[in-house]
Full PDB file with SEQRES, HELIX, SHEET, SSBOND, CRYST1, ORIGX, SCALE, CONECT and MASTER records, all heavy atoms in Angstrom:
SEQRES   1 A   35  GLU GLY ARG ARG ARG PHE LEU ASP ARG MET THR MET SER          
SEQRES   2 A   35  PHE THR PRO ASP HIS ALA GLU ALA VAL LEU THR TYR GLU          
SEQRES   3 A   35  LYS ALA MET ARG GLU ARG ASN ARG LEU                          
HELIX    1 AA1 GLY A    2  PHE A   14  1                                  13    
HELIX    2 AA2 HIS A   18  ARG A   34  1                                  17    
CRYST1    1.000    1.000    1.000  90.00  90.00  90.00 P 1           1          
ORIGX1      1.000000  0.000000  0.000000        0.00000                         
ORIGX2      0.000000  1.000000  0.000000        0.00000                         
ORIGX3      0.000000  0.000000  1.000000        0.00000                         
SCALE1      1.000000  0.000000  0.000000        0.00000                         
SCALE2      0.000000  1.000000  0.000000        0.00000                         
SCALE3      0.000000  0.000000  1.000000        0.00000                         
ATOM      1  N   GLU A   1       5.236  17.672  -8.526  1.00  0.00           N  
ATOM      2  CA  GLU A   1       5.528  18.443  -7.285  1.00  0.00           C  
ATOM      3  C   GLU A   1       4.281  19.080  -6.708  1.00  0.00           C  
ATOM      4  O   GLU A   1       4.113  19.111  -5.453  1.00  0.00           O  
ATOM      5  CB  GLU A   1       6.578  19.471  -7.642  1.00  0.00           C  
ATOM      6  CG  GLU A   1       6.954  20.268  -6.379  1.00  0.00           C  
ATOM      7  CD  GLU A   1       7.969  21.399  -6.783  1.00  0.00           C  
ATOM      8  OE1 GLU A   1       8.333  21.571  -7.953  1.00  0.00           O  
ATOM      9  OE2 GLU A   1       8.360  22.177  -5.840  1.00  0.00           O  
ATOM     10  N   GLY A   2       3.427  19.653  -7.572  1.00  0.00           N  
ATOM     11  CA  GLY A   2       2.201  20.256  -7.071  1.00  0.00           C  
ATOM     12  C   GLY A   2       1.299  19.305  -6.420  1.00  0.00           C  
ATOM     13  O   GLY A   2       0.621  19.609  -5.382  1.00  0.00           O  
ATOM     14  N   ARG A   3       1.170  18.081  -6.948  1.00  0.00           N  
ATOM     15  CA  ARG A   3       0.312  17.062  -6.377  1.00  0.00           C  
ATOM     16  C   ARG A   3       0.840  16.580  -5.023  1.00  0.00           C  
ATOM     17  O   ARG A   3       0.029  16.299  -4.128  1.00  0.00           O  
ATOM     18  CB  ARG A   3       0.119  15.905  -7.319  1.00  0.00           C  
ATOM     19  CG  ARG A   3      -0.721  16.303  -8.573  1.00  0.00           C  
ATOM     20  CD  ARG A   3      -0.981  15.104  -9.453  1.00  0.00           C  
ATOM     21  NE  ARG A   3       0.168  14.589 -10.169  1.00  0.00           N  
ATOM     22  CZ  ARG A   3       0.629  15.066 -11.300  1.00  0.00           C  
ATOM     23  NH1 ARG A   3      -0.057  16.075 -11.903  1.00  0.00           N  
ATOM     24  NH2 ARG A   3       1.711  14.561 -11.959  1.00  0.00           N  
ATOM     25  N   ARG A   4       2.158  16.428  -4.915  1.00  0.00           N  
ATOM     26  CA  ARG A   4       2.717  16.097  -3.618  1.00  0.00           C  
ATOM     27  C   ARG A   4       2.437  17.118  -2.561  1.00  0.00           C  
ATOM     28  O   ARG A   4       2.149  16.849  -1.414  1.00  0.00           O  
ATOM     29  CB  ARG A   4       4.273  15.895  -3.744  1.00  0.00           C  
ATOM     30  CG  ARG A   4       4.707  14.546  -4.264  1.00  0.00           C  
ATOM     31  CD  ARG A   4       6.220  14.345  -4.074  1.00  0.00           C  
ATOM     32  NE  ARG A   4       7.008  15.354  -4.684  1.00  0.00           N  
ATOM     33  CZ  ARG A   4       7.442  15.328  -5.907  1.00  0.00           C  
ATOM     34  NH1 ARG A   4       7.089  14.316  -6.721  1.00  0.00           N  
ATOM     35  NH2 ARG A   4       8.263  16.256  -6.438  1.00  0.00           N  
ATOM     36  N   ARG A   5       2.592  18.415  -2.974  1.00  0.00           N  
ATOM     37  CA  ARG A   5       2.361  19.493  -2.038  1.00  0.00           C  
ATOM     38  C   ARG A   5       0.868  19.459  -1.593  1.00  0.00           C  
ATOM     39  O   ARG A   5       0.558  19.708  -0.435  1.00  0.00           O  
ATOM     40  CB  ARG A   5       2.701  20.818  -2.716  1.00  0.00           C  
ATOM     41  CG  ARG A   5       2.896  21.980  -1.784  1.00  0.00           C  
ATOM     42  CD  ARG A   5       3.724  23.031  -2.399  1.00  0.00           C  
ATOM     43  NE  ARG A   5       3.300  23.513  -3.680  1.00  0.00           N  
ATOM     44  CZ  ARG A   5       4.033  23.516  -4.814  1.00  0.00           C  
ATOM     45  NH1 ARG A   5       5.246  23.039  -4.796  1.00  0.00           N  
ATOM     46  NH2 ARG A   5       3.517  23.916  -5.940  1.00  0.00           N  
ATOM     47  N   PHE A   6      -0.076  19.257  -2.580  1.00  0.00           N  
ATOM     48  CA  PHE A   6      -1.447  19.169  -2.272  1.00  0.00           C  
ATOM     49  C   PHE A   6      -1.707  18.033  -1.265  1.00  0.00           C  
ATOM     50  O   PHE A   6      -2.473  18.188  -0.279  1.00  0.00           O  
ATOM     51  CB  PHE A   6      -2.211  18.910  -3.548  1.00  0.00           C  
ATOM     52  CG  PHE A   6      -3.705  18.799  -3.509  1.00  0.00           C  
ATOM     53  CD1 PHE A   6      -4.487  19.896  -3.203  1.00  0.00           C  
ATOM     54  CD2 PHE A   6      -4.384  17.589  -3.621  1.00  0.00           C  
ATOM     55  CE1 PHE A   6      -5.936  19.808  -3.153  1.00  0.00           C  
ATOM     56  CE2 PHE A   6      -5.717  17.404  -3.566  1.00  0.00           C  
ATOM     57  CZ  PHE A   6      -6.463  18.575  -3.247  1.00  0.00           C  
ATOM     58  N   LEU A   7      -1.164  16.836  -1.493  1.00  0.00           N  
ATOM     59  CA  LEU A   7      -1.353  15.728  -0.633  1.00  0.00           C  
ATOM     60  C   LEU A   7      -0.686  16.009   0.741  1.00  0.00           C  
ATOM     61  O   LEU A   7      -1.345  15.672   1.785  1.00  0.00           O  
ATOM     62  CB  LEU A   7      -0.679  14.456  -1.244  1.00  0.00           C  
ATOM     63  CG  LEU A   7      -0.641  13.227  -0.303  1.00  0.00           C  
ATOM     64  CD1 LEU A   7      -2.036  12.823   0.066  1.00  0.00           C  
ATOM     65  CD2 LEU A   7       0.092  12.128  -1.035  1.00  0.00           C  
ATOM     66  N   ASP A   8       0.462  16.633   0.804  1.00  0.00           N  
ATOM     67  CA  ASP A   8       1.098  16.875   2.062  1.00  0.00           C  
ATOM     68  C   ASP A   8       0.308  17.871   2.900  1.00  0.00           C  
ATOM     69  O   ASP A   8       0.290  17.745   4.092  1.00  0.00           O  
ATOM     70  CB  ASP A   8       2.581  17.354   1.858  1.00  0.00           C  
ATOM     71  CG  ASP A   8       3.504  16.213   1.545  1.00  0.00           C  
ATOM     72  OD1 ASP A   8       3.199  15.063   1.936  1.00  0.00           O  
ATOM     73  OD2 ASP A   8       4.514  16.462   0.923  1.00  0.00           O  
ATOM     74  N   ARG A   9      -0.351  18.855   2.295  1.00  0.00           N  
ATOM     75  CA  ARG A   9      -1.157  19.753   3.003  1.00  0.00           C  
ATOM     76  C   ARG A   9      -2.326  19.051   3.674  1.00  0.00           C  
ATOM     77  O   ARG A   9      -2.730  19.300   4.806  1.00  0.00           O  
ATOM     78  CB  ARG A   9      -1.679  20.917   2.211  1.00  0.00           C  
ATOM     79  CG  ARG A   9      -0.634  22.010   1.984  1.00  0.00           C  
ATOM     80  CD  ARG A   9      -1.213  23.357   2.066  1.00  0.00           C  
ATOM     81  NE  ARG A   9      -1.814  23.593   3.400  1.00  0.00           N  
ATOM     82  CZ  ARG A   9      -1.166  24.008   4.484  1.00  0.00           C  
ATOM     83  NH1 ARG A   9       0.180  24.263   4.423  1.00  0.00           N  
ATOM     84  NH2 ARG A   9      -1.805  24.214   5.609  1.00  0.00           N  
ATOM     85  N   MET A  10      -2.989  18.183   2.882  1.00  0.00           N  
ATOM     86  CA  MET A  10      -4.081  17.431   3.483  1.00  0.00           C  
ATOM     87  C   MET A  10      -3.560  16.474   4.572  1.00  0.00           C  
ATOM     88  O   MET A  10      -4.220  16.285   5.616  1.00  0.00           O  
ATOM     89  CB  MET A  10      -4.755  16.616   2.415  1.00  0.00           C  
ATOM     90  CG  MET A  10      -5.568  17.473   1.371  1.00  0.00           C  
ATOM     91  SD  MET A  10      -6.697  16.524   0.286  1.00  0.00           S  
ATOM     92  CE  MET A  10      -5.481  15.666  -0.716  1.00  0.00           C  
ATOM     93  N   THR A  11      -2.393  15.911   4.366  1.00  0.00           N  
ATOM     94  CA  THR A  11      -1.781  15.014   5.372  1.00  0.00           C  
ATOM     95  C   THR A  11      -1.519  15.769   6.639  1.00  0.00           C  
ATOM     96  O   THR A  11      -1.761  15.271   7.735  1.00  0.00           O  
ATOM     97  CB  THR A  11      -0.526  14.301   4.766  1.00  0.00           C  
ATOM     98  OG1 THR A  11      -0.845  13.547   3.616  1.00  0.00           O  
ATOM     99  CG2 THR A  11       0.099  13.396   5.791  1.00  0.00           C  
ATOM    100  N   MET A  12      -0.950  16.945   6.533  1.00  0.00           N  
ATOM    101  CA  MET A  12      -0.629  17.800   7.635  1.00  0.00           C  
ATOM    102  C   MET A  12      -1.890  18.133   8.436  1.00  0.00           C  
ATOM    103  O   MET A  12      -1.822  18.289   9.652  1.00  0.00           O  
ATOM    104  CB  MET A  12       0.099  19.068   7.136  1.00  0.00           C  
ATOM    105  CG  MET A  12       0.807  19.778   8.228  1.00  0.00           C  
ATOM    106  SD  MET A  12       1.401  21.438   7.660  1.00  0.00           S  
ATOM    107  CE  MET A  12       2.191  20.961   6.148  1.00  0.00           C  
ATOM    108  N   SER A  13      -2.987  18.309   7.730  1.00  0.00           N  
ATOM    109  CA  SER A  13      -4.252  18.630   8.479  1.00  0.00           C  
ATOM    110  C   SER A  13      -4.679  17.529   9.368  1.00  0.00           C  
ATOM    111  O   SER A  13      -5.241  17.790  10.457  1.00  0.00           O  
ATOM    112  CB  SER A  13      -5.383  18.920   7.454  1.00  0.00           C  
ATOM    113  OG  SER A  13      -5.889  17.814   6.814  1.00  0.00           O  
ATOM    114  N   PHE A  14      -4.363  16.297   9.054  1.00  0.00           N  
ATOM    115  CA  PHE A  14      -4.667  15.146   9.880  1.00  0.00           C  
ATOM    116  C   PHE A  14      -3.541  14.871  10.921  1.00  0.00           C  
ATOM    117  O   PHE A  14      -3.839  14.542  12.070  1.00  0.00           O  
ATOM    118  CB  PHE A  14      -4.832  13.901   9.049  1.00  0.00           C  
ATOM    119  CG  PHE A  14      -6.001  13.848   8.124  1.00  0.00           C  
ATOM    120  CD1 PHE A  14      -5.822  13.723   6.730  1.00  0.00           C  
ATOM    121  CD2 PHE A  14      -7.275  14.005   8.571  1.00  0.00           C  
ATOM    122  CE1 PHE A  14      -6.882  13.787   5.856  1.00  0.00           C  
ATOM    123  CE2 PHE A  14      -8.426  14.003   7.794  1.00  0.00           C  
ATOM    124  CZ  PHE A  14      -8.105  13.881   6.376  1.00  0.00           C  
ATOM    125  N   THR A  15      -2.317  15.041  10.496  1.00  0.00           N  
ATOM    126  CA  THR A  15      -1.188  14.769  11.360  1.00  0.00           C  
ATOM    127  C   THR A  15      -0.193  15.993  11.312  1.00  0.00           C  
ATOM    128  O   THR A  15       0.667  16.058  10.437  1.00  0.00           O  
ATOM    129  CB  THR A  15      -0.457  13.504  10.740  1.00  0.00           C  
ATOM    130  OG1 THR A  15      -1.366  12.439  10.535  1.00  0.00           O  
ATOM    131  CG2 THR A  15       0.645  13.017  11.727  1.00  0.00           C  
ATOM    132  N   PRO A  16      -0.377  16.859  12.267  1.00  0.00           N  
ATOM    133  CA  PRO A  16       0.423  18.064  12.221  1.00  0.00           C  
ATOM    134  C   PRO A  16       1.951  17.830  12.298  1.00  0.00           C  
ATOM    135  O   PRO A  16       2.755  18.559  11.639  1.00  0.00           O  
ATOM    136  CB  PRO A  16       0.043  18.834  13.551  1.00  0.00           C  
ATOM    137  CG  PRO A  16      -1.354  18.429  13.756  1.00  0.00           C  
ATOM    138  CD  PRO A  16      -1.444  16.913  13.269  1.00  0.00           C  
ATOM    139  N   ASP A  17       2.362  16.658  12.862  1.00  0.00           N  
ATOM    140  CA  ASP A  17       3.807  16.349  12.912  1.00  0.00           C  
ATOM    141  C   ASP A  17       4.390  16.006  11.490  1.00  0.00           C  
ATOM    142  O   ASP A  17       5.564  15.860  11.354  1.00  0.00           O  
ATOM    143  CB  ASP A  17       4.050  15.205  13.814  1.00  0.00           C  
ATOM    144  CG  ASP A  17       3.889  15.594  15.355  1.00  0.00           C  
ATOM    145  OD1 ASP A  17       3.824  16.835  15.632  1.00  0.00           O  
ATOM    146  OD2 ASP A  17       3.709  14.659  16.174  1.00  0.00           O  
ATOM    147  N   HIS A  18       3.564  15.823  10.528  1.00  0.00           N  
ATOM    148  CA  HIS A  18       3.953  15.522   9.218  1.00  0.00           C  
ATOM    149  C   HIS A  18       4.871  16.626   8.647  1.00  0.00           C  
ATOM    150  O   HIS A  18       5.858  16.395   7.894  1.00  0.00           O  
ATOM    151  CB  HIS A  18       2.778  15.348   8.256  1.00  0.00           C  
ATOM    152  CG  HIS A  18       3.096  14.960   6.842  1.00  0.00           C  
ATOM    153  ND1 HIS A  18       3.606  13.695   6.513  1.00  0.00           N  
ATOM    154  CD2 HIS A  18       3.008  15.654   5.687  1.00  0.00           C  
ATOM    155  CE1 HIS A  18       3.816  13.673   5.260  1.00  0.00           C  
ATOM    156  NE2 HIS A  18       3.516  14.798   4.687  1.00  0.00           N  
ATOM    157  N   ALA A  19       4.585  17.846   9.048  1.00  0.00           N  
ATOM    158  CA  ALA A  19       5.340  18.984   8.602  1.00  0.00           C  
ATOM    159  C   ALA A  19       6.789  18.898   9.102  1.00  0.00           C  
ATOM    160  O   ALA A  19       7.756  19.140   8.307  1.00  0.00           O  
ATOM    161  CB  ALA A  19       4.791  20.356   9.092  1.00  0.00           C  
ATOM    162  N   GLU A  20       6.962  18.441  10.294  1.00  0.00           N  
ATOM    163  CA  GLU A  20       8.318  18.349  10.846  1.00  0.00           C  
ATOM    164  C   GLU A  20       9.050  17.143  10.094  1.00  0.00           C  
ATOM    165  O   GLU A  20      10.272  17.241   9.831  1.00  0.00           O  
ATOM    166  CB  GLU A  20       8.228  18.049  12.356  1.00  0.00           C  
ATOM    167  CG  GLU A  20       7.717  19.254  13.129  1.00  0.00           C  
ATOM    168  CD  GLU A  20       7.614  18.928  14.629  1.00  0.00           C  
ATOM    169  OE1 GLU A  20       8.174  17.920  15.061  1.00  0.00           O  
ATOM    170  OE2 GLU A  20       6.987  19.708  15.311  1.00  0.00           O  
ATOM    171  N   ALA A  21       8.351  16.095   9.807  1.00  0.00           N  
ATOM    172  CA  ALA A  21       8.993  14.944   9.098  1.00  0.00           C  
ATOM    173  C   ALA A  21       9.425  15.426   7.664  1.00  0.00           C  
ATOM    174  O   ALA A  21      10.534  15.015   7.273  1.00  0.00           O  
ATOM    175  CB  ALA A  21       7.997  13.815   8.993  1.00  0.00           C  
ATOM    176  N   VAL A  22       8.616  16.172   7.024  1.00  0.00           N  
ATOM    177  CA  VAL A  22       8.960  16.702   5.663  1.00  0.00           C  
ATOM    178  C   VAL A  22      10.199  17.555   5.725  1.00  0.00           C  
ATOM    179  O   VAL A  22      11.138  17.451   4.921  1.00  0.00           O  
ATOM    180  CB  VAL A  22       7.780  17.384   5.073  1.00  0.00           C  
ATOM    181  CG1 VAL A  22       8.238  18.105   3.733  1.00  0.00           C  
ATOM    182  CG2 VAL A  22       6.661  16.383   4.682  1.00  0.00           C  
ATOM    183  N   LEU A  23      10.255  18.460   6.715  1.00  0.00           N  
ATOM    184  CA  LEU A  23      11.350  19.375   6.895  1.00  0.00           C  
ATOM    185  C   LEU A  23      12.641  18.620   7.193  1.00  0.00           C  
ATOM    186  O   LEU A  23      13.714  18.918   6.666  1.00  0.00           O  
ATOM    187  CB  LEU A  23      11.091  20.371   7.967  1.00  0.00           C  
ATOM    188  CG  LEU A  23      10.031  21.510   7.642  1.00  0.00           C  
ATOM    189  CD1 LEU A  23       9.737  22.303   8.876  1.00  0.00           C  
ATOM    190  CD2 LEU A  23      10.445  22.361   6.512  1.00  0.00           C  
ATOM    191  N   THR A  24      12.513  17.656   8.100  1.00  0.00           N  
ATOM    192  CA  THR A  24      13.650  16.798   8.438  1.00  0.00           C  
ATOM    193  C   THR A  24      14.237  16.074   7.206  1.00  0.00           C  
ATOM    194  O   THR A  24      15.508  16.038   7.028  1.00  0.00           O  
ATOM    195  CB  THR A  24      13.310  15.813   9.525  1.00  0.00           C  
ATOM    196  OG1 THR A  24      12.962  16.481  10.712  1.00  0.00           O  
ATOM    197  CG2 THR A  24      14.493  14.835   9.888  1.00  0.00           C  
ATOM    198  N   TYR A  25      13.337  15.504   6.508  1.00  0.00           N  
ATOM    199  CA  TYR A  25      13.749  14.772   5.274  1.00  0.00           C  
ATOM    200  C   TYR A  25      14.370  15.622   4.283  1.00  0.00           C  
ATOM    201  O   TYR A  25      15.438  15.330   3.703  1.00  0.00           O  
ATOM    202  CB  TYR A  25      12.499  14.071   4.613  1.00  0.00           C  
ATOM    203  CG  TYR A  25      12.826  13.261   3.380  1.00  0.00           C  
ATOM    204  CD1 TYR A  25      13.308  11.938   3.445  1.00  0.00           C  
ATOM    205  CD2 TYR A  25      12.592  13.839   2.145  1.00  0.00           C  
ATOM    206  CE1 TYR A  25      13.607  11.270   2.303  1.00  0.00           C  
ATOM    207  CE2 TYR A  25      12.966  13.156   0.954  1.00  0.00           C  
ATOM    208  CZ  TYR A  25      13.411  11.857   1.052  1.00  0.00           C  
ATOM    209  OH  TYR A  25      13.740  11.178  -0.070  1.00  0.00           O  
ATOM    210  N   GLU A  26      13.771  16.760   3.963  1.00  0.00           N  
ATOM    211  CA  GLU A  26      14.346  17.684   2.917  1.00  0.00           C  
ATOM    212  C   GLU A  26      15.734  18.225   3.364  1.00  0.00           C  
ATOM    213  O   GLU A  26      16.592  18.380   2.511  1.00  0.00           O  
ATOM    214  CB  GLU A  26      13.375  18.853   2.682  1.00  0.00           C  
ATOM    215  CG  GLU A  26      12.070  18.393   2.030  1.00  0.00           C  
ATOM    216  CD  GLU A  26      11.096  19.504   1.781  1.00  0.00           C  
ATOM    217  OE1 GLU A  26      11.257  20.584   2.391  1.00  0.00           O  
ATOM    218  OE2 GLU A  26      10.173  19.379   0.955  1.00  0.00           O  
ATOM    219  N   LYS A  27      15.904  18.567   4.680  1.00  0.00           N  
ATOM    220  CA  LYS A  27      17.225  19.004   5.123  1.00  0.00           C  
ATOM    221  C   LYS A  27      18.241  17.998   4.961  1.00  0.00           C  
ATOM    222  O   LYS A  27      19.347  18.211   4.468  1.00  0.00           O  
ATOM    223  CB  LYS A  27      17.032  19.446   6.555  1.00  0.00           C  
ATOM    224  CG  LYS A  27      18.393  19.953   7.138  1.00  0.00           C  
ATOM    225  CD  LYS A  27      18.184  20.418   8.628  1.00  0.00           C  
ATOM    226  CE  LYS A  27      19.537  20.982   9.241  1.00  0.00           C  
ATOM    227  NZ  LYS A  27      19.366  21.332  10.597  1.00  0.00           N  
ATOM    228  N   ALA A  28      17.910  16.685   5.331  1.00  0.00           N  
ATOM    229  CA  ALA A  28      18.900  15.651   5.223  1.00  0.00           C  
ATOM    230  C   ALA A  28      19.187  15.337   3.691  1.00  0.00           C  
ATOM    231  O   ALA A  28      20.330  15.048   3.361  1.00  0.00           O  
ATOM    232  CB  ALA A  28      18.402  14.362   5.913  1.00  0.00           C  
ATOM    233  N   MET A  29      18.119  15.402   2.946  1.00  0.00           N  
ATOM    234  CA  MET A  29      18.316  15.169   1.504  1.00  0.00           C  
ATOM    235  C   MET A  29      19.258  16.208   0.816  1.00  0.00           C  
ATOM    236  O   MET A  29      20.102  15.872   0.006  1.00  0.00           O  
ATOM    237  CB  MET A  29      16.973  15.117   0.753  1.00  0.00           C  
ATOM    238  CG  MET A  29      17.156  14.658  -0.735  1.00  0.00           C  
ATOM    239  SD  MET A  29      15.566  14.485  -1.645  1.00  0.00           S  
ATOM    240  CE  MET A  29      14.954  16.162  -1.525  1.00  0.00           C  
ATOM    241  N   ARG A  30      19.056  17.447   1.194  1.00  0.00           N  
ATOM    242  CA  ARG A  30      19.972  18.465   0.715  1.00  0.00           C  
ATOM    243  C   ARG A  30      21.425  18.195   1.008  1.00  0.00           C  
ATOM    244  O   ARG A  30      22.321  18.358   0.227  1.00  0.00           O  
ATOM    245  CB  ARG A  30      19.579  19.846   1.205  1.00  0.00           C  
ATOM    246  CG  ARG A  30      18.325  20.433   0.577  1.00  0.00           C  
ATOM    247  CD  ARG A  30      18.063  21.900   0.865  1.00  0.00           C  
ATOM    248  NE  ARG A  30      18.018  22.157   2.323  1.00  0.00           N  
ATOM    249  CZ  ARG A  30      16.797  22.215   2.915  1.00  0.00           C  
ATOM    250  NH1 ARG A  30      15.670  21.953   2.223  1.00  0.00           N  
ATOM    251  NH2 ARG A  30      16.726  22.469   4.190  1.00  0.00           N  
ATOM    252  N   GLU A  31      21.651  17.705   2.269  1.00  0.00           N  
ATOM    253  CA  GLU A  31      22.998  17.351   2.633  1.00  0.00           C  
ATOM    254  C   GLU A  31      23.555  16.153   1.850  1.00  0.00           C  
ATOM    255  O   GLU A  31      24.688  16.096   1.470  1.00  0.00           O  
ATOM    256  CB  GLU A  31      23.064  16.973   4.133  1.00  0.00           C  
ATOM    257  CG  GLU A  31      24.367  16.560   4.698  1.00  0.00           C  
ATOM    258  CD  GLU A  31      25.511  17.671   4.628  1.00  0.00           C  
ATOM    259  OE1 GLU A  31      25.134  18.862   4.374  1.00  0.00           O  
ATOM    260  OE2 GLU A  31      26.688  17.258   4.610  1.00  0.00           O  
ATOM    261  N   ARG A  32      22.637  15.088   1.650  1.00  0.00           N  
ATOM    262  CA  ARG A  32      23.112  13.947   0.876  1.00  0.00           C  
ATOM    263  C   ARG A  32      23.362  14.429  -0.566  1.00  0.00           C  
ATOM    264  O   ARG A  32      24.389  13.958  -1.188  1.00  0.00           O  
ATOM    265  CB  ARG A  32      21.974  12.948   0.891  1.00  0.00           C  
ATOM    266  CG  ARG A  32      22.382  11.626   0.119  1.00  0.00           C  
ATOM    267  CD  ARG A  32      21.352  10.599   0.206  1.00  0.00           C  
ATOM    268  NE  ARG A  32      21.757   9.356  -0.280  1.00  0.00           N  
ATOM    269  CZ  ARG A  32      21.502   8.890  -1.571  1.00  0.00           C  
ATOM    270  NH1 ARG A  32      20.865   9.708  -2.390  1.00  0.00           N  
ATOM    271  NH2 ARG A  32      21.926   7.698  -1.930  1.00  0.00           N  
ATOM    272  N   ASN A  33      22.565  15.265  -1.141  1.00  0.00           N  
ATOM    273  CA  ASN A  33      22.802  15.825  -2.530  1.00  0.00           C  
ATOM    274  C   ASN A  33      24.101  16.522  -2.596  1.00  0.00           C  
ATOM    275  O   ASN A  33      24.800  16.481  -3.607  1.00  0.00           O  
ATOM    276  CB  ASN A  33      21.699  16.678  -2.921  1.00  0.00           C  
ATOM    277  CG  ASN A  33      20.412  15.894  -3.292  1.00  0.00           C  
ATOM    278  OD1 ASN A  33      20.376  14.688  -3.375  1.00  0.00           O  
ATOM    279  ND2 ASN A  33      19.302  16.620  -3.434  1.00  0.00           N  
ATOM    280  N   ARG A  34      24.498  17.271  -1.589  1.00  0.00           N  
ATOM    281  CA  ARG A  34      25.797  17.920  -1.576  1.00  0.00           C  
ATOM    282  C   ARG A  34      26.906  16.931  -1.575  1.00  0.00           C  
ATOM    283  O   ARG A  34      27.883  17.093  -2.267  1.00  0.00           O  
ATOM    284  CB  ARG A  34      25.898  18.867  -0.295  1.00  0.00           C  
ATOM    285  CG  ARG A  34      27.136  19.698  -0.293  1.00  0.00           C  
ATOM    286  CD  ARG A  34      27.284  20.491   0.976  1.00  0.00           C  
ATOM    287  NE  ARG A  34      27.490  19.569   2.113  1.00  0.00           N  
ATOM    288  CZ  ARG A  34      28.690  19.045   2.384  1.00  0.00           C  
ATOM    289  NH1 ARG A  34      29.783  19.262   1.639  1.00  0.00           N  
ATOM    290  NH2 ARG A  34      28.807  18.181   3.375  1.00  0.00           N  
ATOM    291  N   LEU A  35      26.778  15.922  -0.781  1.00  0.00           N  
ATOM    292  CA  LEU A  35      27.825  14.808  -0.797  1.00  0.00           C  
ATOM    293  C   LEU A  35      27.913  14.171  -2.141  1.00  0.00           C  
ATOM    294  O   LEU A  35      28.988  13.912  -2.640  1.00  0.00           O  
ATOM    295  CB  LEU A  35      27.468  13.750   0.217  1.00  0.00           C  
ATOM    296  CG  LEU A  35      27.471  14.252   1.714  1.00  0.00           C  
ATOM    297  CD1 LEU A  35      26.989  13.060   2.614  1.00  0.00           C  
ATOM    298  CD2 LEU A  35      28.878  14.641   2.152  1.00  0.00           C  
TER     299      LEU A  35                                                      
MASTER        0    0    0    2    0    0    0    6  298    1    0    3          
END                                                                             
């Protein structure tokens, strides 16, 4: 988890929209996990 977070911060520095993609994915995954 920590390594993914480290990579995602570097990725976000290059591609700011990456943050929105991660938030969208996590929100949808929480809904799928509830189902």
